[in-house]
Amino acid sequence: GGGLVQPGGSLRLSCAASGSIFSITAMGWYRQAPGKQRELVATVISG
């Protein structure tokens, strides 16, 4: 879902976990811009 978009536009990112998974506690998105630390964008927990 990543790519180039104009200011004011929209984008939808997707992430699928696969493999031998018993349960997922939480999933989320982080981002890192050049010269900056990686930061939390959003998370969702199992509940």
ModelCIF file with pLDDT and N, C-alpha, C, O atoms, coordinates in Angstrom:
data_MODEL
#
_entry.id   MODEL 
#
_entity.id                         1 
_entity.type                       polymer 
_entity.pdbx_number_of_molecules   1 
#
_entity_poly.entity_id                      1 
_entity_poly.type                           'polypeptide(L)' 
_entity_poly.nstd_linkage                   no 
_entity_poly.nstd_monomer                   no 
_entity_poly.pdbx_seq_one_letter_code       GGGLVQPGGSLRLSCAASGSIFSITAMGWYRQAPGKQRELVATVISG 
_entity_poly.pdbx_seq_one_letter_code_can   GGGLVQPGGSLRLSCAASGSIFSITAMGWYRQAPGKQRELVATVISG 
_entity_poly.pdbx_strand_id                 A 
#
loop_
_entity_poly_seq.entity_id 
_entity_poly_seq.num 
_entity_poly_seq.mon_id 
_entity_poly_seq.hetero 
1 1  GLY n 
1 2  GLY n 
1 3  GLY n 
1 4  LEU n 
1 5  VAL n 
1 6  GLN n 
1 7  PRO n 
1 8  GLY n 
1 9  GLY n 
1 10 SER n 
1 11 LEU n 
1 12 ARG n 
1 13 LEU n 
1 14 SER n 
1 15 CYS n 
1 16 ALA n 
1 17 ALA n 
1 18 SER n 
1 19 GLY n 
1 20 SER n 
1 21 ILE n 
1 22 PHE n 
1 23 SER n 
1 24 ILE n 
1 25 THR n 
1 26 ALA n 
1 27 MET n 
1 28 GLY n 
1 29 TRP n 
1 30 TYR n 
1 31 ARG n 
1 32 GLN n 
1 33 ALA n 
1 34 PRO n 
1 35 GLY n 
1 36 LYS n 
1 37 GLN n 
1 38 ARG n 
1 39 GLU n 
1 40 LEU n 
1 41 VAL n 
1 42 ALA n 
1 43 THR n 
1 44 VAL n 
1 45 ILE n 
1 46 SER n 
1 47 GLY n 
#
_struct_asym.id          A 
_struct_asym.entity_id   1 
#
loop_
_ma_qa_metric.id 
_ma_qa_metric.mode 
_ma_qa_metric.name 
_ma_qa_metric.software_group_id 
_ma_qa_metric.type 
1 global pLDDT . pLDDT 
2 local  pLDDT . pLDDT 
#
_ma_qa_metric_global.metric_id      1 
_ma_qa_metric_global.metric_value   96.36 
_ma_qa_metric_global.model_id       1 
_ma_qa_metric_global.ordinal_id     1 
#
loop_
_ma_qa_metric_local.label_asym_id 
_ma_qa_metric_local.label_comp_id 
_ma_qa_metric_local.label_seq_id 
_ma_qa_metric_local.metric_id 
_ma_qa_metric_local.metric_value 
_ma_qa_metric_local.model_id 
_ma_qa_metric_local.ordinal_id 
A GLY 1  2 97.00 1 1  
A GLY 2  2 97.00 1 2  
A GLY 3  2 97.00 1 3  
A LEU 4  2 98.00 1 4  
A VAL 5  2 98.00 1 5  
A GLN 6  2 98.00 1 6  
A PRO 7  2 98.00 1 7  
A GLY 8  2 98.00 1 8  
A GLY 9  2 98.00 1 9  
A SER 10 2 98.00 1 10 
A LEU 11 2 98.00 1 11 
A ARG 12 2 98.00 1 12 
A LEU 13 2 98.00 1 13 
A SER 14 2 98.00 1 14 
A CYS 15 2 98.00 1 15 
A ALA 16 2 97.00 1 16 
A ALA 17 2 96.00 1 17 
A SER 18 2 96.00 1 18 
A GLY 19 2 96.00 1 19 
A SER 20 2 94.00 1 20 
A ILE 21 2 95.00 1 21 
A PHE 22 2 94.00 1 22 
A SER 23 2 95.00 1 23 
A ILE 24 2 95.00 1 24 
A THR 25 2 96.00 1 25 
A ALA 26 2 96.00 1 26 
A MET 27 2 97.00 1 27 
A GLY 28 2 97.00 1 28 
A TRP 29 2 98.00 1 29 
A TYR 30 2 98.00 1 30 
A ARG 31 2 98.00 1 31 
A GLN 32 2 98.00 1 32 
A ALA 33 2 97.00 1 33 
A PRO 34 2 91.00 1 34 
A GLY 35 2 94.00 1 35 
A LYS 36 2 96.00 1 36 
A GLN 37 2 96.00 1 37 
A ARG 38 2 97.00 1 38 
A GLU 39 2 97.00 1 39 
A LEU 40 2 97.00 1 40 
A VAL 41 2 98.00 1 41 
A ALA 42 2 98.00 1 42 
A THR 43 2 98.00 1 43 
A VAL 44 2 97.00 1 44 
A ILE 45 2 94.00 1 45 
A SER 46 2 88.00 1 46 
A GLY 47 2 88.00 1 47 
#
loop_
_atom_site.group_PDB 
_atom_site.id 
_atom_site.type_symbol 
_atom_site.label_atom_id 
_atom_site.label_alt_id 
_atom_site.label_comp_id 
_atom_site.label_asym_id 
_atom_site.label_entity_id 
_atom_site.label_seq_id 
_atom_site.pdbx_PDB_ins_code 
_atom_site.Cartn_x 
_atom_site.Cartn_y 
_atom_site.Cartn_z 
_atom_site.occupancy 
_atom_site.B_iso_or_equiv 
_atom_site.pdbx_formal_charge 
_atom_site.auth_seq_id 
_atom_site.auth_comp_id 
_atom_site.auth_asym_id 
_atom_site.auth_atom_id 
_atom_site.pdbx_PDB_model_num 
ATOM 1   N N  . GLY A 1 1  ? 0.768   -1.234  0.000  1.00 97.00 ? 1  GLY A N  1 
ATOM 2   C CA . GLY A 1 1  ? 0.000   0.000   0.000  1.00 97.00 ? 1  GLY A CA 1 
ATOM 3   C C  . GLY A 1 1  ? 0.800   1.285   0.000  1.00 97.00 ? 1  GLY A C  1 
ATOM 4   O O  . GLY A 1 1  ? 0.231   2.363   -0.171 1.00 97.00 ? 1  GLY A O  1 
ATOM 5   N N  . GLY A 1 2  ? 2.099   1.196   0.187  1.00 97.00 ? 2  GLY A N  1 
ATOM 6   C CA . GLY A 1 2  ? 2.915   2.400   0.178  1.00 97.00 ? 2  GLY A CA 1 
ATOM 7   C C  . GLY A 1 2  ? 3.054   2.964   -1.219 1.00 97.00 ? 2  GLY A C  1 
ATOM 8   O O  . GLY A 1 2  ? 2.752   2.294   -2.207 1.00 97.00 ? 2  GLY A O  1 
ATOM 9   N N  . GLY A 1 3  ? 3.516   4.204   -1.294 1.00 97.00 ? 3  GLY A N  1 
ATOM 10  C CA . GLY A 1 3  ? 3.706   4.833   -2.585 1.00 97.00 ? 3  GLY A CA 1 
ATOM 11  C C  . GLY A 1 3  ? 3.735   6.336   -2.488 1.00 97.00 ? 3  GLY A C  1 
ATOM 12  O O  . GLY A 1 3  ? 3.945   6.905   -1.417 1.00 97.00 ? 3  GLY A O  1 
ATOM 13  N N  . LEU A 1 4  ? 3.519   6.974   -3.628 1.00 98.00 ? 4  LEU A N  1 
ATOM 14  C CA . LEU A 1 4  ? 3.531   8.425   -3.740 1.00 98.00 ? 4  LEU A CA 1 
ATOM 15  C C  . LEU A 1 4  ? 2.105   8.954   -3.751 1.00 98.00 ? 4  LEU A C  1 
ATOM 16  O O  . LEU A 1 4  ? 1.244   8.440   -4.466 1.00 98.00 ? 4  LEU A O  1 
ATOM 17  N N  . VAL A 1 5  ? 1.867   9.986   -2.952 1.00 98.00 ? 5  VAL A N  1 
ATOM 18  C CA . VAL A 1 5  ? 0.546   10.598  -2.886 1.00 98.00 ? 5  VAL A CA 1 
ATOM 19  C C  . VAL A 1 5  ? 0.702   12.106  -2.726 1.00 98.00 ? 5  VAL A C  1 
ATOM 20  O O  . VAL A 1 5  ? 1.674   12.576  -2.134 1.00 98.00 ? 5  VAL A O  1 
ATOM 21  N N  . GLN A 1 6  ? -0.253  12.859  -3.254 1.00 98.00 ? 6  GLN A N  1 
ATOM 22  C CA . GLN A 1 6  ? -0.214  14.313  -3.144 1.00 98.00 ? 6  GLN A CA 1 
ATOM 23  C C  . GLN A 1 6  ? -0.659  14.779  -1.766 1.00 98.00 ? 6  GLN A C  1 
ATOM 24  O O  . GLN A 1 6  ? -1.432  14.086  -1.104 1.00 98.00 ? 6  GLN A O  1 
ATOM 25  N N  . PRO A 1 7  ? -0.186  15.939  -1.320 1.00 98.00 ? 7  PRO A N  1 
ATOM 26  C CA . PRO A 1 7  ? -0.668  16.493  -0.052 1.00 98.00 ? 7  PRO A CA 1 
ATOM 27  C C  . PRO A 1 7  ? -2.187  16.588  -0.040 1.00 98.00 ? 7  PRO A C  1 
ATOM 28  O O  . PRO A 1 7  ? -2.804  17.004  -1.020 1.00 98.00 ? 7  PRO A O  1 
ATOM 29  N N  . GLY A 1 8  ? -2.777  16.197  1.079  1.00 98.00 ? 8  GLY A N  1 
ATOM 30  C CA . GLY A 1 8  ? -4.221  16.180  1.192  1.00 98.00 ? 8  GLY A CA 1 
ATOM 31  C C  . GLY A 1 8  ? -4.850  14.886  0.730  1.00 98.00 ? 8  GLY A C  1 
ATOM 32  O O  . GLY A 1 8  ? -6.047  14.671  0.921  1.00 98.00 ? 8  GLY A O  1 
ATOM 33  N N  . GLY A 1 9  ? -4.062  14.029  0.129  1.00 98.00 ? 9  GLY A N  1 
ATOM 34  C CA . GLY A 1 9  ? -4.566  12.766  -0.367 1.00 98.00 ? 9  GLY A CA 1 
ATOM 35  C C  . GLY A 1 9  ? -4.647  11.701  0.703  1.00 98.00 ? 9  GLY A C  1 
ATOM 36  O O  . GLY A 1 9  ? -4.389  11.956  1.880  1.00 98.00 ? 9  GLY A O  1 
ATOM 37  N N  . SER A 1 10 ? -5.011  10.502  0.277  1.00 98.00 ? 10 SER A N  1 
ATOM 38  C CA . SER A 1 10 ? -5.190  9.381   1.192  1.00 98.00 ? 10 SER A CA 1 
ATOM 39  C C  . SER A 1 10 ? -4.403  8.172   0.725  1.00 98.00 ? 10 SER A C  1 
ATOM 40  O O  . SER A 1 10 ? -4.087  8.022   -0.455 1.00 98.00 ? 10 SER A O  1 
ATOM 41  N N  . LEU A 1 11 ? -4.099  7.319   1.681  1.00 98.00 ? 11 LEU A N  1 
ATOM 42  C CA . LEU A 1 11 ? -3.369  6.099   1.406  1.00 98.00 ? 11 LEU A CA 1 
ATOM 43  C C  . LEU A 1 11 ? -3.780  5.049   2.428  1.00 98.00 ? 11 LEU A C  1 
ATOM 44  O O  . LEU A 1 11 ? -4.044  5.371   3.586  1.00 98.00 ? 11 LEU A O  1 
ATOM 45  N N  . ARG A 1 12 ? -3.833  3.801   1.997  1.00 98.00 ? 12 ARG A N  1 
ATOM 46  C CA . ARG A 1 12 ? -4.195  2.702   2.890  1.00 98.00 ? 12 ARG A CA 1 
ATOM 47  C C  . ARG A 1 12 ? -3.095  1.655   2.888  1.00 98.00 ? 12 ARG A C  1 
ATOM 48  O O  . ARG A 1 12 ? -2.803  1.048   1.858  1.00 98.00 ? 12 ARG A O  1 
ATOM 49  N N  . LEU A 1 13 ? -2.493  1.452   4.042  1.00 98.00 ? 13 LEU A N  1 
ATOM 50  C CA . LEU A 1 13 ? -1.451  0.452   4.197  1.00 98.00 ? 13 LEU A CA 1 
ATOM 51  C C  . LEU A 1 13 ? -2.038  -0.831  4.758  1.00 98.00 ? 13 LEU A C  1 
ATOM 52  O O  . LEU A 1 13 ? -2.959  -0.800  5.574  1.00 98.00 ? 13 LEU A O  1 
ATOM 53  N N  . SER A 1 14 ? -1.498  -1.963  4.315  1.00 98.00 ? 14 SER A N  1 
ATOM 54  C CA . SER A 1 14 ? -1.931  -3.264  4.800  1.00 98.00 ? 14 SER A CA 1 
ATOM 55  C C  . SER A 1 14 ? -0.725  -4.063  5.256  1.00 98.00 ? 14 SER A C  1 
ATOM 56  O O  . SER A 1 14 ? 0.368   -3.928  4.707  1.00 98.00 ? 14 SER A O  1 
ATOM 57  N N  . CYS A 1 15 ? -0.933  -4.896  6.266  1.00 98.00 ? 15 CYS A N  1 
ATOM 58  C CA . CYS A 1 15 ? 0.122   -5.766  6.761  1.00 98.00 ? 15 CYS A CA 1 
ATOM 59  C C  . CYS A 1 15 ? -0.501  -7.073  7.231  1.00 98.00 ? 15 CYS A C  1 
ATOM 60  O O  . CYS A 1 15 ? -1.360  -7.079  8.112  1.00 98.00 ? 15 CYS A O  1 
ATOM 61  N N  . ALA A 1 16 ? -0.064  -8.171  6.642  1.00 97.00 ? 16 ALA A N  1 
ATOM 62  C CA . ALA A 1 16 ? -0.572  -9.487  6.994  1.00 97.00 ? 16 ALA A CA 1 
ATOM 63  C C  . ALA A 1 16 ? 0.517   -10.317 7.656  1.00 97.00 ? 16 ALA A C  1 
ATOM 64  O O  . ALA A 1 16 ? 1.618   -10.453 7.123  1.00 97.00 ? 16 ALA A O  1 
ATOM 65  N N  . ALA A 1 17 ? 0.203   -10.864 8.812  1.00 96.00 ? 17 ALA A N  1 
ATOM 66  C CA . ALA A 1 17 ? 1.113   -11.765 9.507  1.00 96.00 ? 17 ALA A CA 1 
ATOM 67  C C  . ALA A 1 17 ? 0.806   -13.202 9.102  1.00 96.00 ? 17 ALA A C  1 
ATOM 68  O O  . ALA A 1 17 ? -0.354  -13.615 9.078  1.00 96.00 ? 17 ALA A O  1 
ATOM 69  N N  . SER A 1 18 ? 1.844   -13.953 8.788  1.00 96.00 ? 18 SER A N  1 
ATOM 70  C CA . SER A 1 18 ? 1.661   -15.334 8.373  1.00 96.00 ? 18 SER A CA 1 
ATOM 71  C C  . SER A 1 18 ? 2.702   -16.226 9.038  1.00 96.00 ? 18 SER A C  1 
ATOM 72  O O  . SER A 1 18 ? 3.697   -15.744 9.578  1.00 96.00 ? 18 SER A O  1 
ATOM 73  N N  . GLY A 1 19 ? 2.457   -17.539 8.990  1.00 96.00 ? 19 GLY A N  1 
ATOM 74  C CA . GLY A 1 19 ? 3.344   -18.505 9.608  1.00 96.00 ? 19 GLY A CA 1 
ATOM 75  C C  . GLY A 1 19 ? 2.656   -19.222 10.749 1.00 96.00 ? 19 GLY A C  1 
ATOM 76  O O  . GLY A 1 19 ? 1.428   -19.240 10.834 1.00 96.00 ? 19 GLY A O  1 
ATOM 77  N N  . SER A 1 20 ? 3.452   -19.814 11.629 1.00 94.00 ? 20 SER A N  1 
ATOM 78  C CA . SER A 1 20 ? 2.915   -20.539 12.778 1.00 94.00 ? 20 SER A CA 1 
ATOM 79  C C  . SER A 1 20 ? 2.619   -19.555 13.900 1.00 94.00 ? 20 SER A C  1 
ATOM 80  O O  . SER A 1 20 ? 3.493   -19.217 14.698 1.00 94.00 ? 20 SER A O  1 
ATOM 81  N N  . ILE A 1 21 ? 1.382   -19.108 13.944 1.00 95.00 ? 21 ILE A N  1 
ATOM 82  C CA . ILE A 1 21 ? 0.955   -18.104 14.913 1.00 95.00 ? 21 ILE A CA 1 
ATOM 83  C C  . ILE A 1 21 ? -0.138  -18.675 15.802 1.00 95.00 ? 21 ILE A C  1 
ATOM 84  O O  . ILE A 1 21 ? -1.157  -19.162 15.312 1.00 95.00 ? 21 ILE A O  1 
ATOM 85  N N  . PHE A 1 22 ? 0.076   -18.612 17.100 1.00 94.00 ? 22 PHE A N  1 
ATOM 86  C CA . PHE A 1 22 ? -0.929  -19.072 18.050 1.00 94.00 ? 22 PHE A CA 1 
ATOM 87  C C  . PHE A 1 22 ? -1.868  -17.943 18.448 1.00 94.00 ? 22 PHE A C  1 
ATOM 88  O O  . PHE A 1 22 ? -3.080  -18.139 18.540 1.00 94.00 ? 22 PHE A O  1 
ATOM 89  N N  . SER A 1 23 ? -1.316  -16.782 18.680 1.00 95.00 ? 23 SER A N  1 
ATOM 90  C CA . SER A 1 23 ? -2.134  -15.640 19.041 1.00 95.00 ? 23 SER A CA 1 
ATOM 91  C C  . SER A 1 23 ? -1.347  -14.357 18.811 1.00 95.00 ? 23 SER A C  1 
ATOM 92  O O  . SER A 1 23 ? -0.117  -14.349 18.850 1.00 95.00 ? 23 SER A O  1 
ATOM 93  N N  . ILE A 1 24 ? -2.073  -13.282 18.571 1.00 95.00 ? 24 ILE A N  1 
ATOM 94  C CA . ILE A 1 24 ? -1.469  -11.975 18.365 1.00 95.00 ? 24 ILE A CA 1 
ATOM 95  C C  . ILE A 1 24 ? -1.907  -11.042 19.488 1.00 95.00 ? 24 ILE A C  1 
ATOM 96  O O  . ILE A 1 24 ? -3.100  -10.813 19.691 1.00 95.00 ? 24 ILE A O  1 
ATOM 97  N N  . THR A 1 25 ? -0.949  -10.520 20.199 1.00 96.00 ? 25 THR A N  1 
ATOM 98  C CA . THR A 1 25 ? -1.241  -9.611  21.294 1.00 96.00 ? 25 THR A CA 1 
ATOM 99  C C  . THR A 1 25 ? -1.546  -8.208  20.780 1.00 96.00 ? 25 THR A C  1 
ATOM 100 O O  . THR A 1 25 ? -2.486  -7.557  21.235 1.00 96.00 ? 25 THR A O  1 
ATOM 101 N N  . ALA A 1 26 ? -0.739  -7.753  19.826 1.00 96.00 ? 26 ALA A N  1 
ATOM 102 C CA . ALA A 1 26 ? -0.924  -6.413  19.291 1.00 96.00 ? 26 ALA A CA 1 
ATOM 103 C C  . ALA A 1 26 ? -0.268  -6.305  17.926 1.00 96.00 ? 26 ALA A C  1 
ATOM 104 O O  . ALA A 1 26 ? 0.685   -7.022  17.623 1.00 96.00 ? 26 ALA A O  1 
ATOM 105 N N  . MET A 1 27 ? -0.785  -5.409  17.112 1.00 97.00 ? 27 MET A N  1 
ATOM 106 C CA . MET A 1 27 ? -0.177  -5.068  15.837 1.00 97.00 ? 27 MET A CA 1 
ATOM 107 C C  . MET A 1 27 ? -0.186  -3.557  15.702 1.00 97.00 ? 27 MET A C  1 
ATOM 108 O O  . MET A 1 27 ? -1.036  -2.874  16.273 1.00 97.00 ? 27 MET A O  1 
ATOM 109 N N  . GLY A 1 28 ? 0.762   -3.048  14.943 1.00 97.00 ? 28 GLY A N  1 
ATOM 110 C CA . GLY A 1 28 ? 0.809   -1.609  14.800 1.00 97.00 ? 28 GLY A CA 1 
ATOM 111 C C  . GLY A 1 28 ? 1.713   -1.147  13.679 1.00 97.00 ? 28 GLY A C  1 
ATOM 112 O O  . GLY A 1 28 ? 2.314   -1.941  12.956 1.00 97.00 ? 28 GLY A O  1 
ATOM 113 N N  . TRP A 1 29 ? 1.785   0.167   13.562 1.00 98.00 ? 29 TRP A N  1 
ATOM 114 C CA . TRP A 1 29 ? 2.596   0.812   12.544 1.00 98.00 ? 29 TRP A CA 1 
ATOM 115 C C  . TRP A 1 29 ? 3.545   1.811   13.180 1.00 98.00 ? 29 TRP A C  1 
ATOM 116 O O  . TRP A 1 29 ? 3.168   2.567   14.076 1.00 98.00 ? 29 TRP A O  1 
ATOM 117 N N  . TYR A 1 30 ? 4.775   1.803   12.704 1.00 98.00 ? 30 TYR A N  1 
ATOM 118 C CA . TYR A 1 30 ? 5.793   2.765   13.090 1.00 98.00 ? 30 TYR A CA 1 
ATOM 119 C C  . TYR A 1 30 ? 6.321   3.423   11.826 1.00 98.00 ? 30 TYR A C  1 
ATOM 120 O O  . TYR A 1 30 ? 6.126   2.911   10.724 1.00 98.00 ? 30 TYR A O  1 
ATOM 121 N N  . ARG A 1 31 ? 6.985   4.547   11.983 1.00 98.00 ? 31 ARG A N  1 
ATOM 122 C CA . ARG A 1 31 ? 7.577   5.196   10.827 1.00 98.00 ? 31 ARG A CA 1 
ATOM 123 C C  . ARG A 1 31 ? 8.900   5.850   11.204 1.00 98.00 ? 31 ARG A C  1 
ATOM 124 O O  . ARG A 1 31 ? 9.136   6.194   12.362 1.00 98.00 ? 31 ARG A O  1 
ATOM 125 N N  . GLN A 1 32 ? 9.748   6.011   10.207 1.00 98.00 ? 32 GLN A N  1 
ATOM 126 C CA . GLN A 1 32 ? 11.036  6.646   10.411 1.00 98.00 ? 32 GLN A CA 1 
ATOM 127 C C  . GLN A 1 32 ? 11.374  7.513   9.208  1.00 98.00 ? 32 GLN A C  1 
ATOM 128 O O  . GLN A 1 32 ? 11.489  7.020   8.086  1.00 98.00 ? 32 GLN A O  1 
ATOM 129 N N  . ALA A 1 33 ? 11.529  8.796   9.452  1.00 97.00 ? 33 ALA A N  1 
ATOM 130 C CA . ALA A 1 33 ? 11.932  9.743   8.428  1.00 97.00 ? 33 ALA A CA 1 
ATOM 131 C C  . ALA A 1 33 ? 13.440  9.930   8.492  1.00 97.00 ? 33 ALA A C  1 
ATOM 132 O O  . ALA A 1 33 ? 14.043  9.697   9.540  1.00 97.00 ? 33 ALA A O  1 
ATOM 133 N N  . PRO A 1 34 ? 14.066  10.346  7.387  1.00 91.00 ? 34 PRO A N  1 
ATOM 134 C CA . PRO A 1 34 ? 15.510  10.569  7.387  1.00 91.00 ? 34 PRO A CA 1 
ATOM 135 C C  . PRO A 1 34 ? 15.942  11.533  8.483  1.00 91.00 ? 34 PRO A C  1 
ATOM 136 O O  . PRO A 1 34 ? 15.371  12.613  8.630  1.00 91.00 ? 34 PRO A O  1 
ATOM 137 N N  . GLY A 1 35 ? 16.952  11.137  9.250  1.00 94.00 ? 35 GLY A N  1 
ATOM 138 C CA . GLY A 1 35 ? 17.465  11.980  10.311 1.00 94.00 ? 35 GLY A CA 1 
ATOM 139 C C  . GLY A 1 35 ? 16.641  11.988  11.574 1.00 94.00 ? 35 GLY A C  1 
ATOM 140 O O  . GLY A 1 35 ? 16.957  12.728  12.506 1.00 94.00 ? 35 GLY A O  1 
ATOM 141 N N  . LYS A 1 36 ? 15.592  11.187  11.638 1.00 96.00 ? 36 LYS A N  1 
ATOM 142 C CA . LYS A 1 36 ? 14.736  11.147  12.808 1.00 96.00 ? 36 LYS A CA 1 
ATOM 143 C C  . LYS A 1 36 ? 14.660  9.734   13.378 1.00 96.00 ? 36 LYS A C  1 
ATOM 144 O O  . LYS A 1 36 ? 14.946  8.752   12.692 1.00 96.00 ? 36 LYS A O  1 
ATOM 145 N N  . GLN A 1 37 ? 14.269  9.656   14.640 1.00 96.00 ? 37 GLN A N  1 
ATOM 146 C CA . GLN A 1 37 ? 14.090  8.367   15.281 1.00 96.00 ? 37 GLN A CA 1 
ATOM 147 C C  . GLN A 1 37 ? 12.790  7.711   14.829 1.00 96.00 ? 37 GLN A C  1 
ATOM 148 O O  . GLN A 1 37 ? 11.839  8.385   14.433 1.00 96.00 ? 37 GLN A O  1 
ATOM 149 N N  . ARG A 1 38 ? 12.772  6.391   14.898 1.00 97.00 ? 38 ARG A N  1 
ATOM 150 C CA . ARG A 1 38 ? 11.547  5.676   14.593 1.00 97.00 ? 38 ARG A CA 1 
ATOM 151 C C  . ARG A 1 38 ? 10.501  5.997   15.654 1.00 97.00 ? 38 ARG A C  1 
ATOM 152 O O  . ARG A 1 38 ? 10.798  6.011   16.849 1.00 97.00 ? 38 ARG A O  1 
ATOM 153 N N  . GLU A 1 39 ? 9.284   6.252   15.208 1.00 97.00 ? 39 GLU A N  1 
ATOM 154 C CA . GLU A 1 39 ? 8.226   6.631   16.123 1.00 97.00 ? 39 GLU A CA 1 
ATOM 155 C C  . GLU A 1 39 ? 6.970   5.811   15.890 1.00 97.00 ? 39 GLU A C  1 
ATOM 156 O O  . GLU A 1 39 ? 6.709   5.328   14.788 1.00 97.00 ? 39 GLU A O  1 
ATOM 157 N N  . LEU A 1 40 ? 6.208   5.670   16.950 1.00 97.00 ? 40 LEU A N  1 
ATOM 158 C CA . LEU A 1 40 ? 4.935   4.973   16.872 1.00 97.00 ? 40 LEU A CA 1 
ATOM 159 C C  . LEU A 1 40 ? 3.924   5.823   16.121 1.00 97.00 ? 40 LEU A C  1 
ATOM 160 O O  . LEU A 1 40 ? 3.816   7.027   16.354 1.00 97.00 ? 40 LEU A O  1 
ATOM 161 N N  . VAL A 1 41 ? 3.185   5.192   15.221 1.00 98.00 ? 41 VAL A N  1 
ATOM 162 C CA . VAL A 1 41 ? 2.093   5.852   14.520 1.00 98.00 ? 41 VAL A CA 1 
ATOM 163 C C  . VAL A 1 41 ? 0.760   5.443   15.127 1.00 98.00 ? 41 VAL A C  1 
ATOM 164 O O  . VAL A 1 41 ? -0.030  6.292   15.539 1.00 98.00 ? 41 VAL A O  1 
ATOM 165 N N  . ALA A 1 42 ? 0.514   4.145   15.181 1.00 98.00 ? 42 ALA A N  1 
ATOM 166 C CA . ALA A 1 42 ? -0.737  3.641   15.726 1.00 98.00 ? 42 ALA A CA 1 
ATOM 167 C C  . ALA A 1 42 ? -0.605  2.163   16.068 1.00 98.00 ? 42 ALA A C  1 
ATOM 168 O O  . ALA A 1 42 ? 0.150   1.434   15.424 1.00 98.00 ? 42 ALA A O  1 
ATOM 169 N N  . THR A 1 43 ? -1.340  1.727   17.080 1.00 98.00 ? 43 THR A N  1 
ATOM 170 C CA . THR A 1 43 ? -1.363  0.323   17.455 1.00 98.00 ? 43 THR A CA 1 
ATOM 171 C C  . THR A 1 43 ? -2.786  -0.105  17.777 1.00 98.00 ? 43 THR A C  1 
ATOM 172 O O  . THR A 1 43 ? -3.631  0.718   18.130 1.00 98.00 ? 43 THR A O  1 
ATOM 173 N N  . VAL A 1 44 ? -3.037  -1.394  17.653 1.00 97.00 ? 44 VAL A N  1 
ATOM 174 C CA . VAL A 1 44 ? -4.297  -1.983  18.067 1.00 97.00 ? 44 VAL A CA 1 
ATOM 175 C C  . VAL A 1 44 ? -3.981  -3.280  18.802 1.00 97.00 ? 44 VAL A C  1 
ATOM 176 O O  . VAL A 1 44 ? -3.225  -4.111  18.300 1.00 97.00 ? 44 VAL A O  1 
ATOM 177 N N  . ILE A 1 45 ? -4.559  -3.456  19.994 1.00 94.00 ? 45 ILE A N  1 
ATOM 178 C CA . ILE A 1 45 ? -4.312  -4.652  20.776 1.00 94.00 ? 45 ILE A CA 1 
ATOM 179 C C  . ILE A 1 45 ? -5.414  -5.677  20.528 1.00 94.00 ? 45 ILE A C  1 
ATOM 180 O O  . ILE A 1 45 ? -6.409  -5.392  19.861 1.00 94.00 ? 45 ILE A O  1 
ATOM 181 N N  . SER A 1 46 ? -5.217  -6.873  21.077 1.00 88.00 ? 46 SER A N  1 
ATOM 182 C CA . SER A 1 46 ? -6.133  -7.977  20.816 1.00 88.00 ? 46 SER A CA 1 
ATOM 183 C C  . SER A 1 46 ? -7.565  -7.677  21.225 1.00 88.00 ? 46 SER A C  1 
ATOM 184 O O  . SER A 1 46 ? -8.508  -8.161  20.598 1.00 88.00 ? 46 SER A O  1 
ATOM 185 N N  . GLY A 1 47 ? -7.732  -6.879  22.278 1.00 88.00 ? 47 GLY A N  1 
ATOM 186 C CA . GLY A 1 47 ? -9.060  -6.531  22.738 1.00 88.00 ? 47 GLY A CA 1 
ATOM 187 C C  . GLY A 1 47 ? -9.748  -5.472  21.901 1.00 88.00 ? 47 GLY A C  1 
ATOM 188 O O  . GLY A 1 47 ? -10.882 -5.094  22.196 1.00 88.00 ? 47 GLY A O  1 
#
